[in-house]
Amino acid sequence: MKKRSKFGSYLDRNGIEQERIREISKVSRDTLTRVCSNPGYYPSGTTMRRLIDAARKLTGDNVSQNDFWPM
């Protein structure tokens, strides 16, 4: 089983492929891979916002940055 961050696990649980969220969020493939696989990685504020907005759009869930990256 591959190592996943909270955000990566959330995508897996909701059946969202990384490529799909990448298309919507316009986050680079390398950054998205890091965000999904490294639990210790904290993306920039702009990247977090884009990923949260894309996750909300795809799932309809009212998720926030604190769900994945404790501040």
Protein backbone atom coordinates (compact mmCIF):
# COMPACT_ATOMS: atom_id res chain seq x y z
CA MET A 1 0.00 0.00 0.00
CA LYS A 2 1.34 3.41 -0.90
CA LYS A 3 1.97 6.03 1.75
CA ARG A 4 -0.66 8.78 1.65
CA SER A 5 -1.17 12.11 3.36
CA LYS A 6 -4.55 13.14 4.79
CA PHE A 7 -5.33 14.90 1.50
CA GLY A 8 -4.30 11.86 -0.57
CA SER A 9 -6.41 9.57 1.60
CA TYR A 10 -9.38 11.92 1.23
CA LEU A 11 -9.08 11.75 -2.57
CA ASP A 12 -8.87 7.95 -2.41
CA ARG A 13 -11.96 7.68 -0.18
CA ASN A 14 -13.94 9.84 -2.58
CA GLY A 15 -12.73 8.06 -5.72
CA ILE A 16 -11.00 11.17 -7.10
CA GLU A 17 -7.96 10.63 -9.27
CA GLN A 18 -5.00 12.95 -8.79
CA GLU A 19 -5.11 13.84 -12.48
CA ARG A 20 -8.71 15.06 -12.15
CA ILE A 21 -7.96 17.34 -9.21
CA ARG A 22 -4.84 18.56 -11.01
CA GLU A 23 -6.91 19.63 -14.03
CA ILE A 24 -9.31 21.63 -11.88
CA SER A 25 -6.81 23.13 -9.43
CA LYS A 26 -4.08 23.89 -11.99
CA VAL A 27 -1.47 22.65 -9.49
CA SER A 28 1.63 21.06 -11.03
CA ARG A 29 1.85 17.28 -11.16
CA ASP A 30 5.00 17.24 -8.97
CA THR A 31 3.42 19.41 -6.29
CA LEU A 32 0.23 17.36 -6.27
CA THR A 33 2.21 14.13 -5.92
CA ARG A 34 4.06 15.64 -2.95
CA VAL A 35 0.80 16.89 -1.37
CA CYS A 36 -0.86 13.47 -1.71
CA SER A 37 2.03 11.25 -0.63
CA ASN A 38 4.07 13.19 1.95
CA PRO A 39 2.20 13.69 5.26
CA GLY A 40 4.79 16.24 6.39
CA TYR A 41 4.52 18.48 3.32
CA TYR A 42 2.74 21.82 3.70
CA PRO A 43 1.88 23.47 0.38
CA SER A 44 1.83 27.24 -0.03
CA GLY A 45 -1.34 29.12 0.88
CA THR A 46 -2.28 29.61 -2.77
CA THR A 47 -1.83 25.91 -3.53
CA MET A 48 -3.87 24.92 -0.46
CA ARG A 49 -6.69 27.24 -1.54
CA ARG A 50 -6.72 25.81 -5.09
CA LEU A 51 -6.76 22.22 -3.81
CA ILE A 52 -9.53 22.91 -1.27
CA ASP A 53 -11.64 24.68 -3.91
CA ALA A 54 -11.17 21.77 -6.33
CA ALA A 55 -12.01 19.19 -3.64
CA ARG A 56 -15.19 21.09 -2.74
CA LYS A 57 -16.18 21.30 -6.40
CA LEU A 58 -15.67 17.57 -6.98
CA THR A 59 -17.22 16.23 -3.76
CA GLY A 60 -19.65 18.88 -2.56
CA ASP A 61 -18.09 18.50 0.90
CA ASN A 62 -17.42 21.63 2.93
CA VAL A 63 -13.76 20.77 3.62
CA SER A 64 -11.24 23.28 4.92
CA GLN A 65 -7.47 23.58 5.02
CA ASN A 66 -7.48 22.53 8.69
CA ASP A 67 -8.90 19.14 7.70
CA PHE A 68 -5.63 18.31 5.95
CA TRP A 69 -2.95 20.72 7.17
CA PRO A 70 -3.22 21.69 10.84
CA MET A 71 -2.10 25.28 11.33
